[in-house]
C-alpha atoms as a PDB file:
ATOM      1  CA  UNK A   1      14.621 -15.455  88.365  1.00  0.00           C
ATOM      2  CA  UNK A   2      13.728 -15.590  91.903  1.00  0.00           C
ATOM      3  CA  UNK A   3      13.040 -18.976  93.318  1.00  0.00           C
ATOM      4  CA  UNK A   4       9.699 -17.762  95.199  1.00  0.00           C
ATOM      5  CA  UNK A   5       8.243 -18.031  91.404  1.00  0.00           C
ATOM      6  CA  UNK A   6       8.693 -21.845  91.119  1.00  0.00           C
ATOM      7  CA  UNK A   7       6.048 -24.149  92.434  1.00  0.00           C
ATOM      8  CA  UNK A   8       7.927 -27.338  93.074  1.00  0.00           C
ATOM      9  CA  UNK A   9      11.220 -28.096  94.072  1.00  0.00           C
ATOM     10  CA  UNK A  10      14.393 -29.066  91.870  1.00  0.00           C
ATOM     11  CA  UNK A  11      15.321 -32.343  93.473  1.00  0.00           C
ATOM     12  CA  UNK A  12      18.366 -33.001  90.939  1.00  0.00           C
ATOM     13  CA  UNK A  13      21.544 -31.649  92.365  1.00  0.00           C
ATOM     14  CA  UNK A  14      23.972 -32.944  89.719  1.00  0.00           C
ATOM     15  CA  UNK A  15      24.100 -34.365  86.294  1.00  0.00           C
ATOM     16  CA  UNK A  16      27.272 -36.999  85.673  1.00  0.00           C
ATOM     17  CA  UNK A  17      28.182 -39.098  82.966  1.00  0.00           C
ATOM     18  CA  UNK A  18      29.486 -42.810  84.138  1.00  0.00           C
ATOM     19  CA  UNK A  19      29.232 -46.357  83.153  1.00  0.00           C
ATOM     20  CA  UNK A  20      25.204 -47.998  84.395  1.00  0.00           C
ATOM     21  CA  UNK A  21      27.598 -50.784  85.804  1.00  0.00           C
ATOM     22  CA  UNK A  22      28.602 -47.896  88.700  1.00  0.00           C
ATOM     23  CA  UNK A  23      24.956 -47.399  89.570  1.00  0.00           C
ATOM     24  CA  UNK A  24      22.885 -50.142  92.224  1.00  0.00           C
ATOM     25  CA  UNK A  25      20.035 -51.879  91.205  1.00  0.00           C
ATOM     26  CA  UNK A  26      17.111 -50.612  93.425  1.00  0.00           C
ATOM     27  CA  UNK A  27      16.057 -53.730  95.531  1.00  0.00           C
ATOM     28  CA  UNK A  28      12.325 -52.384  95.250  1.00  0.00           C
ATOM     29  CA  UNK A  29      11.998 -52.258  91.448  1.00  0.00           C
ATOM     30  CA  UNK A  30       8.454 -53.617  91.052  1.00  0.00           C
ATOM     31  CA  UNK A  31       8.781 -53.784  86.954  1.00  0.00           C
ATOM     32  CA  UNK A  32       9.974 -56.762  84.827  1.00  0.00           C
ATOM     33  CA  UNK A  33      11.293 -56.275  81.433  1.00  0.00           C
ATOM     34  CA  UNK A  34       9.833 -59.137  78.807  1.00  0.00           C
ATOM     35  CA  UNK A  35      12.117 -59.741  75.811  1.00  0.00           C
ATOM     36  CA  UNK A  36       9.758 -57.951  73.706  1.00  0.00           C
ATOM     37  CA  UNK A  37      10.441 -54.347  75.566  1.00  0.00           C
ATOM     38  CA  UNK A  38      14.142 -55.482  75.560  1.00  0.00           C
ATOM     39  CA  UNK A  39      14.310 -55.663  71.975  1.00  0.00           C
ATOM     40  CA  UNK A  40      12.134 -52.911  71.030  1.00  0.00           C
ATOM     41  CA  UNK A  41      14.173 -50.790  73.425  1.00  0.00           C
ATOM     42  CA  UNK A  42      17.402 -51.834  72.004  1.00  0.00           C
ATOM     43  CA  UNK A  43      16.136 -51.324  68.490  1.00  0.00           C
ATOM     44  CA  UNK A  44      15.458 -47.615  69.349  1.00  0.00           C
ATOM     45  CA  UNK A  45      18.571 -47.148  70.922  1.00  0.00           C
ATOM     46  CA  UNK A  46      20.261 -48.540  67.583  1.00  0.00           C
ATOM     47  CA  UNK A  47      18.019 -46.387  65.229  1.00  0.00           C
ATOM     48  CA  UNK A  48      18.073 -42.954  67.394  1.00  0.00           C
ATOM     49  CA  UNK A  49      20.389 -43.382  70.150  1.00  0.00           C
ATOM     50  CA  UNK A  50      20.432 -41.922  73.744  1.00  0.00           C
ATOM     51  CA  UNK A  51      17.744 -39.292  74.241  1.00  0.00           C
ATOM     52  CA  UNK A  52      17.034 -39.752  77.748  1.00  0.00           C
ATOM     53  CA  UNK A  53      18.826 -40.006  81.271  1.00  0.00           C
ATOM     54  CA  UNK A  54      19.151 -42.383  83.940  1.00  0.00           C
ATOM     55  CA  UNK A  55      17.477 -41.318  87.345  1.00  0.00           C
ATOM     56  CA  UNK A  56      19.479 -42.072  90.678  1.00  0.00           C
ATOM     57  CA  UNK A  57      19.872 -41.029  94.375  1.00  0.00           C
ATOM     58  CA  UNK A  58      22.485 -41.914  96.749  1.00  0.00           C
ATOM     59  CA  UNK A  59      20.719 -44.329  99.284  1.00  0.00           C
ATOM     60  CA  UNK A  60      20.809 -44.873 102.878  1.00  0.00           C
ATOM     61  CA  UNK A  61      19.582 -48.040 102.312  1.00  0.00           C
ATOM     62  CA  UNK A  62      21.908 -49.318  99.633  1.00  0.00           C
ATOM     63  CA  UNK A  63      25.220 -47.893 101.851  1.00  0.00           C
ATOM     64  CA  UNK A  64      24.707 -44.567 100.175  1.00  0.00           C
ATOM     65  CA  UNK A  65      25.725 -45.813  97.252  1.00  0.00           C
ATOM     66  CA  UNK A  66      24.319 -44.049  93.835  1.00  0.00           C
ATOM     67  CA  UNK A  67      21.034 -46.313  93.107  1.00  0.00           C
ATOM     68  CA  UNK A  68      18.570 -46.266  90.322  1.00  0.00           C
ATOM     69  CA  UNK A  69      15.704 -45.188  90.387  1.00  0.00           C
ATOM     70  CA  UNK A  70      14.685 -45.441  86.326  1.00  0.00           C
ATOM     71  CA  UNK A  71      17.199 -46.818  84.077  1.00  0.00           C
ATOM     72  CA  UNK A  72      17.430 -50.738  85.069  1.00  0.00           C
ATOM     73  CA  UNK A  73      16.867 -52.313  81.745  1.00  0.00           C
ATOM     74  CA  UNK A  74      19.075 -49.604  79.960  1.00  0.00           C
ATOM     75  CA  UNK A  75      21.727 -50.803  82.364  1.00  0.00           C
ATOM     76  CA  UNK A  76      20.737 -54.396  81.892  1.00  0.00           C
ATOM     77  CA  UNK A  77      21.242 -54.246  78.284  1.00  0.00           C
ATOM     78  CA  UNK A  78      24.657 -53.076  78.330  1.00  0.00           C
ATOM     79  CA  UNK A  79      26.227 -52.137  81.912  1.00  0.00           C
ATOM     80  CA  UNK A  80      29.492 -50.660  80.103  1.00  0.00           C
ATOM     81  CA  UNK A  81      27.590 -48.139  78.651  1.00  0.00           C
ATOM     82  CA  UNK A  82      28.115 -44.567  79.429  1.00  0.00           C
ATOM     83  CA  UNK A  83      24.951 -42.996  80.336  1.00  0.00           C
ATOM     84  CA  UNK A  84      24.138 -39.092  81.872  1.00  0.00           C
ATOM     85  CA  UNK A  85      22.668 -39.825  84.724  1.00  0.00           C
ATOM     86  CA  UNK A  86      20.242 -37.390  86.746  1.00  0.00           C
ATOM     87  CA  UNK A  87      21.560 -37.460  90.385  1.00  0.00           C
ATOM     88  CA  UNK A  88      18.803 -36.423  93.087  1.00  0.00           C
ATOM     89  CA  UNK A  89      19.197 -35.704  96.827  1.00  0.00           C
ATOM     90  CA  UNK A  90      15.652 -37.866  97.288  1.00  0.00           C
ATOM     91  CA  UNK A  91      15.733 -40.011 100.512  1.00  0.00           C
ATOM     92  CA  UNK A  92      14.842 -43.556 100.226  1.00  0.00           C
ATOM     93  CA  UNK A  93      11.073 -42.875 101.205  1.00  0.00           C
ATOM     94  CA  UNK A  94      10.901 -40.714  98.501  1.00  0.00           C
ATOM     95  CA  UNK A  95      12.686 -42.531  96.055  1.00  0.00           C
ATOM     96  CA  UNK A  96      10.110 -45.691  96.647  1.00  0.00           C
ATOM     97  CA  UNK A  97       7.445 -42.834  95.952  1.00  0.00           C
ATOM     98  CA  UNK A  98       8.982 -42.340  92.684  1.00  0.00           C
ATOM     99  CA  UNK A  99       9.793 -45.907  91.909  1.00  0.00           C
ATOM    100  CA  UNK A 100       6.064 -46.918  92.201  1.00  0.00           C
ATOM    101  CA  UNK A 101       4.305 -44.006  90.500  1.00  0.00           C
ATOM    102  CA  UNK A 102       6.602 -43.338  87.335  1.00  0.00           C
ATOM    103  CA  UNK A 103       5.012 -46.116  85.033  1.00  0.00           C
ATOM    104  CA  UNK A 104       1.512 -45.664  86.117  1.00  0.00           C
ATOM    105  CA  UNK A 105       1.736 -41.706  85.801  1.00  0.00           C
ATOM    106  CA  UNK A 106       2.948 -42.176  82.133  1.00  0.00           C
ATOM    107  CA  UNK A 107       0.250 -44.809  81.447  1.00  0.00           C
ATOM    108  CA  UNK A 108      -2.789 -42.781  83.035  1.00  0.00           C
ATOM    109  CA  UNK A 109      -2.242 -40.478  79.823  1.00  0.00           C
ATOM    110  CA  UNK A 110      -4.977 -41.288  76.999  1.00  0.00           C
ATOM    111  CA  UNK A 111      -4.340 -41.204  73.207  1.00  0.00           C
ATOM    112  CA  UNK A 112      -5.819 -39.068  70.557  1.00  0.00           C
ATOM    113  CA  UNK A 113      -6.110 -41.531  67.993  1.00  0.00           C
ATOM    114  CA  UNK A 114      -6.230 -39.129  65.312  1.00  0.00           C
ATOM    115  CA  UNK A 115      -2.736 -37.799  65.992  1.00  0.00           C
ATOM    116  CA  UNK A 116      -1.348 -41.560  67.298  1.00  0.00           C
ATOM    117  CA  UNK A 117      -2.489 -42.901  63.637  1.00  0.00           C
ATOM    118  CA  UNK A 118      -0.613 -39.694  62.004  1.00  0.00           C
ATOM    119  CA  UNK A 119       2.459 -40.589  63.680  1.00  0.00           C
ATOM    120  CA  UNK A 120       2.257 -44.450  62.768  1.00  0.00           C
ATOM    121  CA  UNK A 121       1.813 -43.426  59.470  1.00  0.00           C
ATOM    122  CA  UNK A 122       4.833 -41.169  59.382  1.00  0.00           C
ATOM    123  CA  UNK A 123       7.273 -43.232  61.349  1.00  0.00           C
ATOM    124  CA  UNK A 124       9.333 -45.686  59.830  1.00  0.00           C
ATOM    125  CA  UNK A 125      11.743 -48.521  61.018  1.00  0.00           C
ATOM    126  CA  UNK A 126      13.992 -51.038  60.041  1.00  0.00           C
ATOM    127  CA  UNK A 127      14.057 -52.626  63.410  1.00  0.00           C
ATOM    128  CA  UNK A 128      12.108 -55.730  63.896  1.00  0.00           C
ATOM    129  CA  UNK A 129      11.491 -55.184  67.621  1.00  0.00           C
ATOM    130  CA  UNK A 130      10.792 -51.497  67.220  1.00  0.00           C
ATOM    131  CA  UNK A 131       8.218 -52.611  64.154  1.00  0.00           C
ATOM    132  CA  UNK A 132       6.466 -55.224  66.219  1.00  0.00           C
ATOM    133  CA  UNK A 133       6.412 -52.515  68.826  1.00  0.00           C
ATOM    134  CA  UNK A 134       4.768 -49.924  66.485  1.00  0.00           C
ATOM    135  CA  UNK A 135       2.277 -52.846  65.020  1.00  0.00           C
ATOM    136  CA  UNK A 136       1.008 -53.786  68.662  1.00  0.00           C
ATOM    137  CA  UNK A 137       0.379 -49.914  69.425  1.00  0.00           C
ATOM    138  CA  UNK A 138      -1.962 -49.627  65.918  1.00  0.00           C
ATOM    139  CA  UNK A 139      -3.662 -52.655  66.873  1.00  0.00           C
ATOM    140  CA  UNK A 140      -4.334 -51.218  70.414  1.00  0.00           C
ATOM    141  CA  UNK A 141      -5.352 -47.817  68.538  1.00  0.00           C
ATOM    142  CA  UNK A 142      -8.070 -49.650  66.467  1.00  0.00           C
ATOM    143  CA  UNK A 143      -9.293 -51.442  69.873  1.00  0.00           C
ATOM    144  CA  UNK A 144      -9.997 -48.377  71.201  1.00  0.00           C
ATOM    145  CA  UNK A 145     -12.026 -47.081  68.099  1.00  0.00           C
ATOM    146  CA  UNK A 146     -14.109 -50.071  68.122  1.00  0.00           C
ATOM    147  CA  UNK A 147     -14.771 -49.886  71.980  1.00  0.00           C
ATOM    148  CA  UNK A 148     -16.121 -46.547  71.184  1.00  0.00           C
ATOM    149  CA  UNK A 149     -18.140 -47.196  68.656  1.00  0.00           C
ATOM    150  CA  UNK A 150     -19.725 -50.277  70.609  1.00  0.00           C
ATOM    151  CA  UNK A 151     -20.714 -48.094  73.242  1.00  0.00           C
ATOM    152  CA  UNK A 152     -22.833 -45.884  70.729  1.00  0.00           C
ATOM    153  CA  UNK A 153     -26.548 -46.631  71.352  1.00  0.00           C
ATOM    154  CA  UNK A 154     -27.755 -47.637  67.920  1.00  0.00           C
ATOM    155  CA  UNK A 155     -31.136 -46.168  66.826  1.00  0.00           C
ATOM    156  CA  UNK A 156     -34.222 -48.854  67.285  1.00  0.00           C
ATOM    157  CA  UNK A 157     -32.865 -50.522  70.502  1.00  0.00           C
ATOM    158  CA  UNK A 158     -33.928 -50.345  73.782  1.00  0.00           C
ATOM    159  CA  UNK A 159     -31.568 -48.251  75.906  1.00  0.00           C
ATOM    160  CA  UNK A 160     -30.118 -49.427  79.085  1.00  0.00           C
ATOM    161  CA  UNK A 161     -31.956 -47.609  82.061  1.00  0.00           C
ATOM    162  CA  UNK A 162     -29.859 -44.634  83.353  1.00  0.00           C
ATOM    163  CA  UNK A 163     -30.661 -44.382  86.614  1.00  0.00           C
ATOM    164  CA  UNK A 164     -29.809 -40.936  88.630  1.00  0.00           C
ATOM    165  CA  UNK A 165     -29.296 -40.344  92.089  1.00  0.00           C
ATOM    166  CA  UNK A 166     -32.461 -38.466  92.468  1.00  0.00           C
ATOM    167  CA  UNK A 167     -34.928 -40.831  90.435  1.00  0.00           C
ATOM    168  CA  UNK A 168     -36.389 -43.877  91.251  1.00  0.00           C
ATOM    169  CA  UNK A 169     -37.683 -47.178  89.007  1.00  0.00           C
ATOM    170  CA  UNK A 170     -39.825 -49.836  89.602  1.00  0.00           C
ATOM    171  CA  UNK A 171     -38.456 -53.012  88.262  1.00  0.00           C
ATOM    172  CA  UNK A 172     -39.232 -56.320  87.622  1.00  0.00           C
ATOM    173  CA  UNK A 173     -36.581 -59.240  87.718  1.00  0.00           C
ATOM    174  CA  UNK A 174     -36.464 -61.851  85.065  1.00  0.00           C
ATOM    175  CA  UNK A 175     -34.064 -65.095  85.820  1.00  0.00           C
ATOM    176  CA  UNK A 176     -33.062 -67.059  83.302  1.00  0.00           C
ATOM    177  CA  UNK A 177     -32.059 -70.291  83.855  1.00  0.00           C
ATOM    178  CA  UNK A 178     -30.459 -71.323  80.525  1.00  0.00           C
ATOM    179  CA  UNK A 179     -28.348 -69.370  77.958  1.00  0.00           C
ATOM    180  CA  UNK A 180     -30.920 -70.186  75.518  1.00  0.00           C
ATOM    181  CA  UNK A 181     -33.457 -68.515  77.072  1.00  0.00           C
ATOM    182  CA  UNK A 182     -32.081 -65.239  77.793  1.00  0.00           C
ATOM    183  CA  UNK A 183     -30.793 -65.458  74.251  1.00  0.00           C
ATOM    184  CA  UNK A 184     -34.222 -65.664  72.921  1.00  0.00           C
ATOM    185  CA  UNK A 185     -35.197 -62.441  75.415  1.00  0.00           C
ATOM    186  CA  UNK A 186     -32.049 -60.518  74.268  1.00  0.00           C
ATOM    187  CA  UNK A 187     -33.492 -61.160  70.287  1.00  0.00           C
ATOM    188  CA  UNK A 188     -37.223 -60.754  71.464  1.00  0.00           C
ATOM    189  CA  UNK A 189     -36.315 -57.237  72.931  1.00  0.00           C
ATOM    190  CA  UNK A 190     -33.981 -56.184  70.248  1.00  0.00           C
ATOM    191  CA  UNK A 191     -30.924 -55.867  72.773  1.00  0.00           C
ATOM    192  CA  UNK A 192     -27.911 -55.717  71.179  1.00  0.00           C
ATOM    193  CA  UNK A 193     -25.112 -58.830  71.930  1.00  0.00           C
ATOM    194  CA  UNK A 194     -21.962 -57.255  73.274  1.00  0.00           C
ATOM    195  CA  UNK A 195     -19.058 -57.782  75.769  1.00  0.00           C
ATOM    196  CA  UNK A 196     -19.462 -61.194  77.181  1.00  0.00           C
ATOM    197  CA  UNK A 197     -20.660 -62.644  73.973  1.00  0.00           C
ATOM    198  CA  UNK A 198     -17.740 -61.341  71.794  1.00  0.00           C
ATOM    199  CA  UNK A 199     -16.237 -65.055  71.774  1.00  0.00           C
ATOM    200  CA  UNK A 200     -19.539 -66.427  69.777  1.00  0.00           C
ATOM    201  CA  UNK A 201     -18.836 -64.836  66.684  1.00  0.00           C
ATOM    202  CA  UNK A 202     -21.594 -64.519  63.908  1.00  0.00           C
ATOM    203  CA  UNK A 203     -23.269 -61.168  64.412  1.00  0.00           C
ATOM    204  CA  UNK A 204     -21.999 -60.286  67.991  1.00  0.00           C
ATOM    205  CA  UNK A 205     -20.378 -57.448  68.100  1.00  0.00           C
ATOM    206  CA  UNK A 206     -17.212 -56.960  69.795  1.00  0.00           C
ATOM    207  CA  UNK A 207     -16.542 -55.966  73.539  1.00  0.00           C
ATOM    208  CA  UNK A 208     -14.643 -57.047  76.245  1.00  0.00           C
ATOM    209  CA  UNK A 209     -15.319 -60.733  77.990  1.00  0.00           C
ATOM    210  CA  UNK A 210     -17.439 -60.084  80.964  1.00  0.00           C
ATOM    211  CA  UNK A 211     -19.212 -62.658  83.208  1.00  0.00           C
ATOM    212  CA  UNK A 212     -22.327 -62.764  85.472  1.00  0.00           C
ATOM    213  CA  UNK A 213     -23.675 -59.508  83.629  1.00  0.00           C
ATOM    214  CA  UNK A 214     -27.163 -58.965  82.333  1.00  0.00           C
ATOM    215  CA  UNK A 215     -29.205 -55.766  80.915  1.00  0.00           C
ATOM    216  CA  UNK A 216     -31.513 -53.497  82.532  1.00  0.00           C
ATOM    217  CA  UNK A 217     -33.987 -52.553  79.907  1.00  0.00           C
ATOM    218  CA  UNK A 218     -36.645 -49.567  79.963  1.00  0.00           C
ATOM    219  CA  UNK A 219     -39.938 -51.310  80.909  1.00  0.00           C
ATOM    220  CA  UNK A 220     -42.302 -49.046  79.035  1.00  0.00           C
ATOM    221  CA  UNK A 221     -40.081 -49.795  75.675  1.00  0.00           C
ATOM    222  CA  UNK A 222     -40.056 -53.136  76.616  1.00  0.00           C
ATOM    223  CA  UNK A 223     -44.276 -53.566  77.290  1.00  0.00           C
ATOM    224  CA  UNK A 224     -44.393 -51.500  73.957  1.00  0.00           C
ATOM    225  CA  UNK A 225     -42.607 -54.518  72.041  1.00  0.00           C
ATOM    226  CA  UNK A 226     -44.615 -56.836  73.938  1.00  0.00           C
ATOM    227  CA  UNK A 227     -47.935 -55.124  72.968  1.00  0.00           C
ATOM    228  CA  UNK A 228     -46.726 -55.029  69.401  1.00  0.00           C
ATOM    229  CA  UNK A 229     -46.337 -58.516  69.247  1.00  0.00           C
ATOM    230  CA  UNK A 230     -49.753 -59.287  70.776  1.00  0.00           C
ATOM    231  CA  UNK A 231     -51.532 -56.934  68.394  1.00  0.00           C
ATOM    232  CA  UNK A 232     -49.815 -58.609  64.966  1.00  0.00           C
ATOM    233  CA  UNK A 233     -51.132 -62.362  66.638  1.00  0.00           C
ATOM    234  CA  UNK A 234     -54.690 -60.784  67.323  1.00  0.00           C
ATOM    235  CA  UNK A 235     -54.383 -59.514  63.634  1.00  0.00           C
ATOM    236  CA  UNK A 236     -53.315 -62.900  62.548  1.00  0.00           C
ATOM    237  CA  UNK A 237     -56.359 -64.609  64.257  1.00  0.00           C
ATOM    238  CA  UNK A 238     -58.773 -62.285  62.881  1.00  0.00           C
ATOM    239  CA  UNK A 239     -57.729 -63.320  59.467  1.00  0.00           C
ATOM    240  CA  UNK A 240     -57.321 -67.146  59.929  1.00  0.00           C
ATOM    241  CA  UNK A 241     -60.174 -68.553  62.378  1.00  0.00           C
ATOM    242  CA  UNK A 242     -58.237 -71.496  63.058  1.00  0.00           C
ATOM    243  CA  UNK A 243     -55.625 -69.614  65.210  1.00  0.00           C
ATOM    244  CA  UNK A 244     -58.325 -68.561  67.787  1.00  0.00           C
ATOM    245  CA  UNK A 245     -57.656 -71.319  70.350  1.00  0.00           C
ATOM    246  CA  UNK A 246     -57.340 -68.984  73.533  1.00  0.00           C
ATOM    247  CA  UNK A 247     -55.280 -72.153  75.225  1.00  0.00           C
ATOM    248  CA  UNK A 248     -52.478 -72.723  71.800  1.00  0.00           C
ATOM    249  CA  UNK A 249     -49.309 -70.904  72.187  1.00  0.00           C
ATOM    250  CA  UNK A 250     -48.118 -68.263  70.121  1.00  0.00           C
ATOM    251  CA  UNK A 251     -45.018 -67.955  68.505  1.00  0.00           C
ATOM    252  CA  UNK A 252     -43.482 -64.653  67.212  1.00  0.00           C
ATOM    253  CA  UNK A 253     -40.212 -64.848  65.549  1.00  0.00           C
ATOM    254  CA  UNK A 254     -37.783 -61.591  65.978  1.00  0.00           C
ATOM    255  CA  UNK A 255     -34.632 -61.162  64.737  1.00  0.00           C
ATOM    256  CA  UNK A 256     -34.385 -64.975  63.679  1.00  0.00           C
ATOM    257  CA  UNK A 257     -35.700 -66.223  66.739  1.00  0.00           C
ATOM    258  CA  UNK A 258     -38.658 -67.862  67.881  1.00  0.00           C
ATOM    259  CA  UNK A 259     -40.436 -66.461  70.706  1.00  0.00           C
ATOM    260  CA  UNK A 260     -42.836 -68.100  73.029  1.00  0.00           C
ATOM    261  CA  UNK A 261     -45.720 -66.727  74.557  1.00  0.00           C
ATOM    262  CA  UNK A 262     -47.701 -68.787  77.155  1.00  0.00           C
ATOM    263  CA  UNK A 263     -51.300 -68.605  77.716  1.00  0.00           C
ATOM    264  CA  UNK A 264     -53.249 -69.103  80.905  1.00  0.00           C
ATOM    265  CA  UNK A 265     -56.548 -70.145  81.007  1.00  0.00           C
ATOM    266  CA  UNK A 266     -56.894 -70.449  84.639  1.00  0.00           C
ATOM    267  CA  UNK A 267     -54.991 -69.518  88.064  1.00  0.00           C
ATOM    268  CA  UNK A 268     -53.842 -73.422  88.661  1.00  0.00           C
ATOM    269  CA  UNK A 269     -52.219 -73.369  85.092  1.00  0.00           C
ATOM    270  CA  UNK A 270     -50.319 -69.622  85.564  1.00  0.00           C
ATOM    271  CA  UNK A 271     -46.783 -69.813  84.432  1.00  0.00           C
ATOM    272  CA  UNK A 272     -47.066 -73.640  83.070  1.00  0.00           C
ATOM    273  CA  UNK A 273     -46.118 -73.934  79.520  1.00  0.00           C
ATOM    274  CA  UNK A 274     -48.669 -75.697  76.916  1.00  0.00           C
ATOM    275  CA  UNK A 275     -46.980 -79.243  77.347  1.00  0.00           C
ATOM    276  CA  UNK A 276     -44.567 -78.680  74.338  1.00  0.00           C
ATOM    277  CA  UNK A 277     -40.701 -78.885  75.266  1.00  0.00           C
ATOM    278  CA  UNK A 278     -38.670 -76.122  74.215  1.00  0.00           C
ATOM    279  CA  UNK A 279     -36.184 -76.854  71.906  1.00  0.00           C
ATOM    280  CA  UNK A 280     -33.143 -77.242  74.038  1.00  0.00           C
ATOM    281  CA  UNK A 281     -35.091 -79.593  76.634  1.00  0.00           C
ATOM    282  CA  UNK A 282     -36.428 -81.602  73.287  1.00  0.00           C
ATOM    283  CA  UNK A 283     -32.416 -82.271  72.448  1.00  0.00           C
ATOM    284  CA  UNK A 284     -31.604 -83.116  75.684  1.00  0.00           C
ATOM    285  CA  UNK A 285     -34.328 -85.936  76.269  1.00  0.00           C
ATOM    286  CA  UNK A 286     -33.360 -87.256  72.683  1.00  0.00           C
ATOM    287  CA  UNK A 287     -29.799 -88.083  74.355  1.00  0.00           C
ATOM    288  CA  UNK A 288     -31.543 -90.059  76.778  1.00  0.00           C
ATOM    289  CA  UNK A 289     -29.783 -93.691  76.382  1.00  0.00           C
ATOM    290  CA  UNK A 290     -32.357 -96.406  75.355  1.00  0.00           C
ATOM    291  CA  UNK A 291     -32.878 -99.663  77.377  1.00  0.00           C
END
């Protein structure tokens, strides 16, 4: 076959069998190998054997000695082991690039959950290190599925705002000085509690921990919920005349959380509560030292 048909250069110039100790460790090797990885690789070598080559080149930086690009852990496991070595004509700069990108390139591959599940079901091992590695793979594969499910928008919940480059939104920003008030708002608007709430347990959905992240809500849907609550309150007032005091504070329970709606009698009272402390403030006041 003509070389003109090959798109990429073949940089492997020789394949040689040699003891690993005859290869020089690359001074630029940035990878570390924890005990779990070492035990897992040793287990695979015991159960399967050598099914891959070490990658090396003649390094001017290392006195033209054959220097590793890939295979440091295998050499470290047993320097006297004879390995098949693929020797390339890379120079130091090219070897640095390969040293840097080999592992990240492999890590960029995504997983087909069904195929991975099938493989995990078929593969059997008696080695404890390999077994632990497969167990971790199974846990990570299940976590990917949970993350995918958590990202599905449920019905009857306010969606996050999805702003397109050509769109414009008017917005109103609400600041919450306490977690208590923020969570009351989430309950009232029916917003899922994910991500940074996962550590709180209970009905909080699993997700990655994040700090300082809020939620963008559809203002129209939010106002619909507020209007529905007000309509319910008016219906209760019509049924029970004693509830018609315009200065009273209405309370609506949504999802097990009480939401206070503050009435405004005039301009100077705007934004003020009706005098009652919120639950977290009452608790704080009760802890004041007695004289």
